[in-house]
Amino acid sequence: LMIDESDGDHDGSKAVVVADLFLDGTVTISDNSYKSVTLCNIELKCPNNSPRDALKISGCKGKCLILGCDIYGGSDGVHIASEQVYLKRTYIQYAQNRGIFSRRGFTVEDCEVSGCGGYGIKGSAGWTEKGRHNDIQPGPWSSDGPWSSGW
């Protein structure tokens, strides 16, 4: 599944919501001018040993919400290449490397990132944890680790 603007001209007034869907493969959300892009209640299973990330997000500064999704597998579970992505009540598991990889700031709220080959999150720009139920697999970029505040 790819969410982009390849099929038309958008003025930034339209929102895209993809909800209640099971996908066996990968999802890419690329540069676009939609008002917002939301994935809600999506189960995404990336094939074992895939060289691709299960979910890749780029070009959606401050307008991408991943809500109530289950993301399994991928080289990285979620690769964030956009500022201010928001993940809420989302489970990310069994990525070959990291559950979340990002060099941009992002937010997790009541999320679980576990069972990944490397560690839960590599976020060199730091991230914000909200809510009371975040369960993040430990690693050097953990919220209490030496690089959690960015560099």
N, C-alpha and C. Protein backbone atom coordinates (compact mmCIF):
# COMPACT_ATOMS: atom_id res chain seq x y z
N LEU A 1 0.86 -1.18 0.00
CA LEU A 1 0.00 0.00 0.00
C LEU A 1 0.89 1.23 0.00
N MET A 2 0.61 2.16 -0.91
CA MET A 2 1.36 3.40 -0.95
C MET A 2 0.39 4.57 -0.91
N ILE A 3 0.65 5.51 0.00
CA ILE A 3 -0.16 6.72 0.10
C ILE A 3 0.73 7.86 -0.34
N ASP A 4 0.38 8.45 -1.48
CA ASP A 4 1.13 9.57 -2.02
C ASP A 4 0.20 10.41 -2.87
N GLU A 5 0.74 11.30 -3.69
CA GLU A 5 -0.08 12.16 -4.53
C GLU A 5 0.01 11.82 -6.00
N SER A 6 0.43 10.66 -6.33
CA SER A 6 0.70 10.34 -7.73
C SER A 6 -0.55 10.36 -8.60
N ASP A 7 -1.74 10.37 -7.98
CA ASP A 7 -2.96 10.30 -8.79
C ASP A 7 -3.75 11.59 -8.84
N GLY A 8 -3.17 12.71 -8.44
CA GLY A 8 -3.96 13.92 -8.56
C GLY A 8 -3.35 15.11 -7.84
N ASP A 9 -4.00 16.25 -7.99
CA ASP A 9 -3.57 17.50 -7.39
C ASP A 9 -4.45 17.77 -6.17
N HIS A 10 -3.83 17.93 -5.01
CA HIS A 10 -4.59 18.16 -3.79
C HIS A 10 -4.23 19.51 -3.21
N ASP A 11 -5.20 20.20 -2.65
CA ASP A 11 -4.99 21.53 -2.12
C ASP A 11 -4.74 21.55 -0.62
N GLY A 12 -4.56 20.40 0.02
CA GLY A 12 -4.29 20.35 1.44
C GLY A 12 -5.53 20.38 2.31
N SER A 13 -6.71 20.30 1.72
CA SER A 13 -7.94 20.34 2.50
C SER A 13 -8.52 18.94 2.75
N LYS A 14 -7.95 17.92 2.14
CA LYS A 14 -8.49 16.57 2.26
C LYS A 14 -7.64 15.73 3.20
N ALA A 15 -8.31 14.89 3.98
CA ALA A 15 -7.63 13.97 4.88
C ALA A 15 -7.77 12.56 4.33
N VAL A 16 -6.76 11.73 4.58
CA VAL A 16 -6.79 10.33 4.18
C VAL A 16 -6.85 9.50 5.45
N VAL A 17 -7.84 8.60 5.52
CA VAL A 17 -7.94 7.67 6.64
C VAL A 17 -8.04 6.26 6.05
N VAL A 18 -7.11 5.40 6.46
CA VAL A 18 -7.16 3.99 6.08
C VAL A 18 -7.44 3.24 7.37
N ALA A 19 -8.57 2.51 7.41
CA ALA A 19 -8.99 1.89 8.67
C ALA A 19 -9.49 0.47 8.46
N ASP A 20 -9.38 -0.31 9.55
CA ASP A 20 -9.95 -1.66 9.62
C ASP A 20 -9.52 -2.53 8.44
N LEU A 21 -8.21 -2.76 8.38
CA LEU A 21 -7.66 -3.45 7.23
C LEU A 21 -6.53 -4.39 7.68
N PHE A 22 -6.45 -5.56 7.05
CA PHE A 22 -5.33 -6.47 7.25
C PHE A 22 -4.48 -6.43 5.99
N LEU A 23 -3.18 -6.21 6.14
CA LEU A 23 -2.28 -6.15 5.00
C LEU A 23 -1.12 -7.11 5.21
N ASP A 24 -0.82 -7.88 4.20
CA ASP A 24 0.33 -8.76 4.21
C ASP A 24 1.32 -8.16 3.22
N GLY A 25 2.29 -7.40 3.72
CA GLY A 25 3.24 -6.70 2.85
C GLY A 25 3.82 -5.51 3.56
N THR A 26 3.97 -4.40 2.85
CA THR A 26 4.55 -3.19 3.42
C THR A 26 3.66 -1.99 3.10
N VAL A 27 3.83 -0.91 3.87
CA VAL A 27 3.10 0.34 3.64
C VAL A 27 4.10 1.47 3.57
N THR A 28 3.94 2.35 2.59
CA THR A 28 4.75 3.55 2.46
C THR A 28 3.84 4.77 2.42
N ILE A 29 4.10 5.71 3.29
CA ILE A 29 3.41 7.00 3.26
C ILE A 29 4.46 8.02 2.85
N SER A 30 4.32 8.57 1.65
CA SER A 30 5.36 9.45 1.13
C SER A 30 4.87 10.89 1.06
N ASP A 31 5.76 11.75 0.61
CA ASP A 31 5.51 13.19 0.55
C ASP A 31 4.16 13.47 -0.11
N ASN A 32 3.36 14.29 0.54
CA ASN A 32 2.03 14.62 0.02
C ASN A 32 1.56 15.92 0.63
N SER A 33 0.46 16.47 0.12
CA SER A 33 -0.09 17.71 0.68
C SER A 33 -1.46 17.49 1.31
N TYR A 34 -1.79 16.27 1.66
CA TYR A 34 -3.04 16.02 2.37
C TYR A 34 -3.02 16.75 3.71
N LYS A 35 -4.18 17.10 4.20
CA LYS A 35 -4.30 17.74 5.50
C LYS A 35 -3.77 16.82 6.60
N SER A 36 -4.09 15.54 6.51
CA SER A 36 -3.58 14.55 7.45
C SER A 36 -3.66 13.16 6.83
N VAL A 37 -2.84 12.25 7.37
CA VAL A 37 -2.86 10.85 6.96
C VAL A 37 -2.94 10.02 8.23
N THR A 38 -3.99 9.18 8.34
CA THR A 38 -4.21 8.36 9.53
C THR A 38 -4.34 6.90 9.13
N LEU A 39 -3.58 6.05 9.81
CA LEU A 39 -3.79 4.61 9.72
C LEU A 39 -4.43 4.21 11.05
N CYS A 40 -5.60 3.57 10.99
CA CYS A 40 -6.35 3.23 12.20
C CYS A 40 -6.79 1.77 12.15
N ASN A 41 -6.43 1.03 13.18
CA ASN A 41 -6.84 -0.37 13.30
C ASN A 41 -6.38 -1.19 12.09
N ILE A 42 -5.10 -1.05 11.76
CA ILE A 42 -4.49 -1.78 10.65
C ILE A 42 -3.62 -2.89 11.24
N GLU A 43 -3.72 -4.09 10.71
CA GLU A 43 -2.78 -5.14 11.05
C GLU A 43 -1.88 -5.33 9.84
N LEU A 44 -0.60 -5.06 10.03
CA LEU A 44 0.37 -5.10 8.96
C LEU A 44 1.40 -6.18 9.26
N LYS A 45 1.49 -7.16 8.38
CA LYS A 45 2.46 -8.24 8.53
C LYS A 45 3.41 -8.22 7.35
N CYS A 46 4.66 -7.87 7.64
CA CYS A 46 5.69 -7.86 6.62
C CYS A 46 6.32 -9.25 6.57
N PRO A 47 6.54 -9.81 5.40
CA PRO A 47 7.09 -11.16 5.29
C PRO A 47 8.41 -11.32 6.05
N ASN A 48 8.64 -12.52 6.60
CA ASN A 48 9.89 -12.81 7.31
C ASN A 48 11.08 -12.55 6.40
N ASN A 49 12.13 -12.01 6.98
CA ASN A 49 13.40 -11.75 6.29
C ASN A 49 13.28 -10.75 5.14
N SER A 50 12.24 -9.93 5.15
CA SER A 50 12.10 -8.91 4.11
C SER A 50 13.19 -7.85 4.27
N PRO A 51 13.78 -7.39 3.17
CA PRO A 51 14.77 -6.31 3.27
C PRO A 51 14.11 -4.94 3.43
N ARG A 52 12.78 -4.89 3.33
CA ARG A 52 12.05 -3.61 3.42
C ARG A 52 11.51 -3.40 4.81
N ASP A 53 11.27 -2.14 5.17
CA ASP A 53 10.64 -1.81 6.44
C ASP A 53 9.14 -2.06 6.32
N ALA A 54 8.51 -2.51 7.40
CA ALA A 54 7.08 -2.78 7.35
C ALA A 54 6.29 -1.50 7.05
N LEU A 55 6.63 -0.40 7.73
CA LEU A 55 5.96 0.88 7.51
C LEU A 55 7.02 1.95 7.38
N LYS A 56 6.99 2.70 6.27
CA LYS A 56 7.92 3.81 6.05
C LYS A 56 7.12 5.08 5.87
N ILE A 57 7.49 6.12 6.64
CA ILE A 57 6.77 7.39 6.62
C ILE A 57 7.76 8.49 6.28
N SER A 58 7.46 9.26 5.22
CA SER A 58 8.31 10.40 4.86
C SER A 58 7.45 11.53 4.31
N GLY A 59 7.87 12.75 4.53
CA GLY A 59 7.21 13.91 3.94
C GLY A 59 5.84 14.23 4.51
N CYS A 60 5.58 13.89 5.76
CA CYS A 60 4.25 14.12 6.35
C CYS A 60 4.37 14.93 7.63
N LYS A 61 5.17 15.96 7.65
CA LYS A 61 5.46 16.70 8.87
C LYS A 61 4.20 17.09 9.64
N GLY A 62 4.09 16.56 10.86
CA GLY A 62 3.03 16.96 11.77
C GLY A 62 1.63 16.53 11.41
N LYS A 63 1.47 15.62 10.44
CA LYS A 63 0.12 15.27 10.03
C LYS A 63 -0.11 13.77 9.85
N CYS A 64 0.76 12.95 10.45
CA CYS A 64 0.62 11.50 10.31
C CYS A 64 0.35 10.87 11.67
N LEU A 65 -0.76 10.14 11.77
CA LEU A 65 -1.16 9.46 13.00
C LEU A 65 -1.28 7.97 12.72
N ILE A 66 -0.62 7.16 13.54
CA ILE A 66 -0.73 5.71 13.49
C ILE A 66 -1.46 5.32 14.77
N LEU A 67 -2.71 4.87 14.65
CA LEU A 67 -3.59 4.68 15.81
C LEU A 67 -4.11 3.25 15.87
N GLY A 68 -3.84 2.57 16.98
CA GLY A 68 -4.39 1.24 17.20
C GLY A 68 -3.98 0.21 16.18
N CYS A 69 -2.74 0.30 15.70
CA CYS A 69 -2.26 -0.62 14.67
C CYS A 69 -1.36 -1.69 15.28
N ASP A 70 -1.29 -2.83 14.60
CA ASP A 70 -0.37 -3.92 14.94
C ASP A 70 0.56 -4.10 13.76
N ILE A 71 1.86 -3.90 14.00
CA ILE A 71 2.85 -3.95 12.93
C ILE A 71 3.86 -5.03 13.27
N TYR A 72 3.99 -6.01 12.37
CA TYR A 72 4.85 -7.15 12.60
C TYR A 72 5.90 -7.27 11.51
N GLY A 73 7.17 -7.48 11.91
CA GLY A 73 8.23 -7.78 10.97
C GLY A 73 8.82 -6.57 10.29
N GLY A 74 9.49 -6.83 9.19
CA GLY A 74 10.20 -5.81 8.43
C GLY A 74 11.65 -5.74 8.86
N SER A 75 12.47 -5.13 8.03
CA SER A 75 13.85 -4.87 8.42
C SER A 75 13.83 -4.02 9.68
N ASP A 76 13.18 -2.85 9.60
CA ASP A 76 12.74 -2.09 10.77
C ASP A 76 11.22 -2.13 10.75
N GLY A 77 10.60 -2.15 11.91
CA GLY A 77 9.14 -2.17 11.95
C GLY A 77 8.56 -0.90 11.37
N VAL A 78 9.01 0.26 11.90
CA VAL A 78 8.56 1.57 11.42
C VAL A 78 9.80 2.42 11.19
N HIS A 79 9.94 2.94 9.97
CA HIS A 79 11.03 3.86 9.62
C HIS A 79 10.40 5.23 9.44
N ILE A 80 10.78 6.16 10.31
CA ILE A 80 10.21 7.51 10.27
C ILE A 80 11.24 8.46 9.69
N ALA A 81 10.91 9.06 8.55
CA ALA A 81 11.77 10.05 7.91
C ALA A 81 11.01 11.36 7.76
N SER A 82 10.18 11.66 8.77
CA SER A 82 9.34 12.85 8.76
C SER A 82 9.20 13.34 10.20
N GLU A 83 9.08 14.64 10.38
CA GLU A 83 8.94 15.23 11.71
C GLU A 83 7.54 15.01 12.27
N GLN A 84 7.46 14.86 13.59
CA GLN A 84 6.21 14.92 14.35
C GLN A 84 5.20 13.82 14.01
N VAL A 85 5.66 12.64 13.68
CA VAL A 85 4.76 11.50 13.51
C VAL A 85 4.28 11.09 14.90
N TYR A 86 3.01 10.69 14.99
CA TYR A 86 2.39 10.34 16.28
C TYR A 86 1.92 8.89 16.21
N LEU A 87 2.43 8.05 17.11
CA LEU A 87 2.01 6.66 17.22
C LEU A 87 1.26 6.50 18.54
N LYS A 88 0.03 6.01 18.47
CA LYS A 88 -0.80 5.88 19.66
C LYS A 88 -1.45 4.50 19.71
N ARG A 89 -1.36 3.84 20.88
CA ARG A 89 -1.94 2.51 21.09
C ARG A 89 -1.59 1.55 19.95
N THR A 90 -0.30 1.54 19.61
CA THR A 90 0.18 0.72 18.49
C THR A 90 1.21 -0.29 19.00
N TYR A 91 1.15 -1.49 18.45
CA TYR A 91 2.07 -2.56 18.79
C TYR A 91 3.00 -2.79 17.61
N ILE A 92 4.30 -2.80 17.89
CA ILE A 92 5.31 -3.04 16.87
C ILE A 92 6.17 -4.20 17.38
N GLN A 93 6.18 -5.30 16.63
CA GLN A 93 6.88 -6.49 17.12
C GLN A 93 7.60 -7.21 15.98
N TYR A 94 8.65 -7.91 16.36
CA TYR A 94 9.36 -8.89 15.53
C TYR A 94 10.08 -8.30 14.32
N ALA A 95 10.44 -7.02 14.38
CA ALA A 95 11.28 -6.46 13.32
C ALA A 95 12.66 -7.10 13.41
N GLN A 96 13.31 -7.26 12.27
CA GLN A 96 14.63 -7.87 12.26
C GLN A 96 15.67 -7.03 13.00
N ASN A 97 15.55 -5.72 12.91
CA ASN A 97 16.53 -4.82 13.53
C ASN A 97 15.89 -4.04 14.67
N ARG A 98 15.30 -2.89 14.35
CA ARG A 98 14.70 -2.03 15.37
C ARG A 98 13.20 -1.95 15.15
N GLY A 99 12.48 -1.78 16.24
CA GLY A 99 11.03 -1.59 16.13
C GLY A 99 10.72 -0.27 15.45
N ILE A 100 11.39 0.80 15.90
CA ILE A 100 11.25 2.13 15.30
C ILE A 100 12.63 2.68 15.04
N PHE A 101 12.85 3.17 13.83
CA PHE A 101 14.10 3.84 13.47
C PHE A 101 13.74 5.23 12.98
N SER A 102 14.38 6.25 13.59
CA SER A 102 14.08 7.62 13.17
C SER A 102 15.24 8.55 13.49
N ARG A 103 15.47 9.49 12.59
CA ARG A 103 16.39 10.59 12.85
C ARG A 103 15.60 11.89 13.00
N ARG A 104 14.31 11.76 13.19
CA ARG A 104 13.40 12.90 13.37
C ARG A 104 12.66 12.73 14.69
N GLY A 105 12.19 13.84 15.27
CA GLY A 105 11.42 13.76 16.50
C GLY A 105 10.04 13.17 16.23
N PHE A 106 9.54 12.35 17.16
CA PHE A 106 8.22 11.74 17.02
C PHE A 106 7.66 11.48 18.42
N THR A 107 6.40 11.04 18.50
CA THR A 107 5.75 10.79 19.77
C THR A 107 5.17 9.38 19.79
N VAL A 108 5.34 8.69 20.93
CA VAL A 108 4.65 7.42 21.17
C VAL A 108 3.78 7.59 22.41
N GLU A 109 2.56 7.07 22.32
CA GLU A 109 1.63 7.12 23.45
C GLU A 109 0.98 5.76 23.61
N ASP A 110 1.19 5.17 24.79
CA ASP A 110 0.61 3.87 25.12
C ASP A 110 0.89 2.83 24.03
N CYS A 111 2.17 2.72 23.65
CA CYS A 111 2.60 1.79 22.60
C CYS A 111 3.47 0.69 23.19
N GLU A 112 3.51 -0.44 22.50
CA GLU A 112 4.44 -1.51 22.84
C GLU A 112 5.34 -1.76 21.65
N VAL A 113 6.65 -1.81 21.92
CA VAL A 113 7.65 -2.15 20.90
C VAL A 113 8.49 -3.26 21.51
N SER A 114 8.35 -4.49 20.97
CA SER A 114 9.01 -5.62 21.64
C SER A 114 9.36 -6.72 20.64
N GLY A 115 10.24 -7.62 21.10
CA GLY A 115 10.59 -8.80 20.32
C GLY A 115 11.38 -8.52 19.06
N CYS A 116 12.04 -7.37 19.01
CA CYS A 116 12.79 -6.99 17.81
C CYS A 116 14.22 -7.51 17.91
N GLY A 117 14.87 -7.71 16.75
CA GLY A 117 16.19 -8.30 16.71
C GLY A 117 17.27 -7.46 17.37
N GLY A 118 17.21 -6.14 17.22
CA GLY A 118 18.20 -5.26 17.82
C GLY A 118 17.70 -4.69 19.13
N TYR A 119 16.86 -3.70 19.04
CA TYR A 119 16.27 -3.07 20.21
C TYR A 119 15.01 -2.34 19.79
N GLY A 120 14.30 -1.75 20.74
CA GLY A 120 13.00 -1.15 20.48
C GLY A 120 13.03 0.06 19.58
N ILE A 121 13.79 1.09 20.00
CA ILE A 121 13.80 2.35 19.25
C ILE A 121 15.22 2.84 19.07
N LYS A 122 15.52 3.26 17.85
CA LYS A 122 16.71 4.07 17.59
C LYS A 122 16.19 5.40 17.08
N GLY A 123 16.26 6.40 17.93
CA GLY A 123 15.74 7.72 17.61
C GLY A 123 16.77 8.77 17.94
N SER A 124 17.69 9.03 17.04
CA SER A 124 18.80 9.92 17.33
C SER A 124 18.39 11.37 17.55
N ALA A 125 17.18 11.76 17.11
CA ALA A 125 16.69 13.12 17.37
C ALA A 125 15.84 13.16 18.64
N GLY A 126 15.70 12.00 19.31
CA GLY A 126 14.87 11.93 20.50
C GLY A 126 13.40 11.75 20.15
N TRP A 127 12.61 11.45 21.16
CA TRP A 127 11.17 11.27 20.99
C TRP A 127 10.48 11.58 22.30
N THR A 128 9.17 11.75 22.23
CA THR A 128 8.35 12.04 23.40
C THR A 128 7.52 10.82 23.72
N GLU A 129 7.50 10.43 25.00
CA GLU A 129 6.64 9.35 25.45
C GLU A 129 5.50 9.95 26.26
N LYS A 130 4.27 9.66 25.84
CA LYS A 130 3.07 10.13 26.54
C LYS A 130 2.28 8.92 27.01
N GLY A 131 1.28 9.17 27.83
CA GLY A 131 0.45 8.09 28.32
C GLY A 131 1.11 7.38 29.49
N ARG A 132 0.49 6.30 29.94
CA ARG A 132 1.02 5.59 31.10
C ARG A 132 1.38 4.15 30.79
N HIS A 133 1.25 3.74 29.55
CA HIS A 133 1.43 2.33 29.24
C HIS A 133 2.36 2.08 28.05
N ASN A 134 3.48 2.78 28.01
CA ASN A 134 4.47 2.49 26.97
C ASN A 134 5.35 1.34 27.46
N ASP A 135 5.55 0.35 26.60
CA ASP A 135 6.41 -0.79 26.90
C ASP A 135 7.39 -0.91 25.74
N ILE A 136 8.58 -0.33 25.92
CA ILE A 136 9.56 -0.23 24.85
C ILE A 136 10.74 -1.15 25.15
N GLN A 137 11.06 -2.03 24.22
CA GLN A 137 12.21 -2.91 24.36
C GLN A 137 13.46 -2.06 24.59
N PRO A 138 14.26 -2.36 25.64
CA PRO A 138 15.42 -1.53 25.95
C PRO A 138 16.49 -1.56 24.86
N GLY A 139 17.27 -0.49 24.83
CA GLY A 139 18.39 -0.36 23.92
C GLY A 139 19.14 0.92 24.22
N PRO A 140 20.23 1.20 23.51
CA PRO A 140 21.04 2.38 23.81
C PRO A 140 20.31 3.70 23.60
N TRP A 141 19.22 3.72 22.82
CA TRP A 141 18.47 4.93 22.60
C TRP A 141 17.19 4.96 23.44
N SER A 142 17.06 4.07 24.43
CA SER A 142 15.88 4.04 25.29
C SER A 142 15.69 5.39 25.97
N SER A 143 14.47 5.64 26.45
CA SER A 143 14.17 6.95 27.05
C SER A 143 15.08 7.26 28.22
N ASP A 144 15.67 6.25 28.86
CA ASP A 144 16.60 6.51 29.95
C ASP A 144 18.05 6.25 29.53
N GLY A 145 18.27 6.01 28.24
CA GLY A 145 19.61 5.73 27.73
C GLY A 145 20.37 7.01 27.43
N PRO A 146 21.66 6.88 27.10
CA PRO A 146 22.51 8.06 26.92
C PRO A 146 22.15 8.93 25.73
N TRP A 147 21.46 8.39 24.71
CA TRP A 147 21.17 9.19 23.51
C TRP A 147 19.72 9.61 23.41
N SER A 148 18.92 9.42 24.44
CA SER A 148 17.49 9.69 24.33
C SER A 148 17.16 11.15 24.11
N SER A 149 18.01 12.05 24.48
CA SER A 149 17.71 13.46 24.30
C SER A 149 18.17 14.00 22.95
N GLY A 150 18.67 13.13 22.11
CA GLY A 150 19.11 13.54 20.78
C GLY A 150 20.57 13.96 20.79
N TRP A 151 21.10 14.17 19.60
CA TRP A 151 22.50 14.63 19.47
C TRP A 151 22.69 15.36 18.19
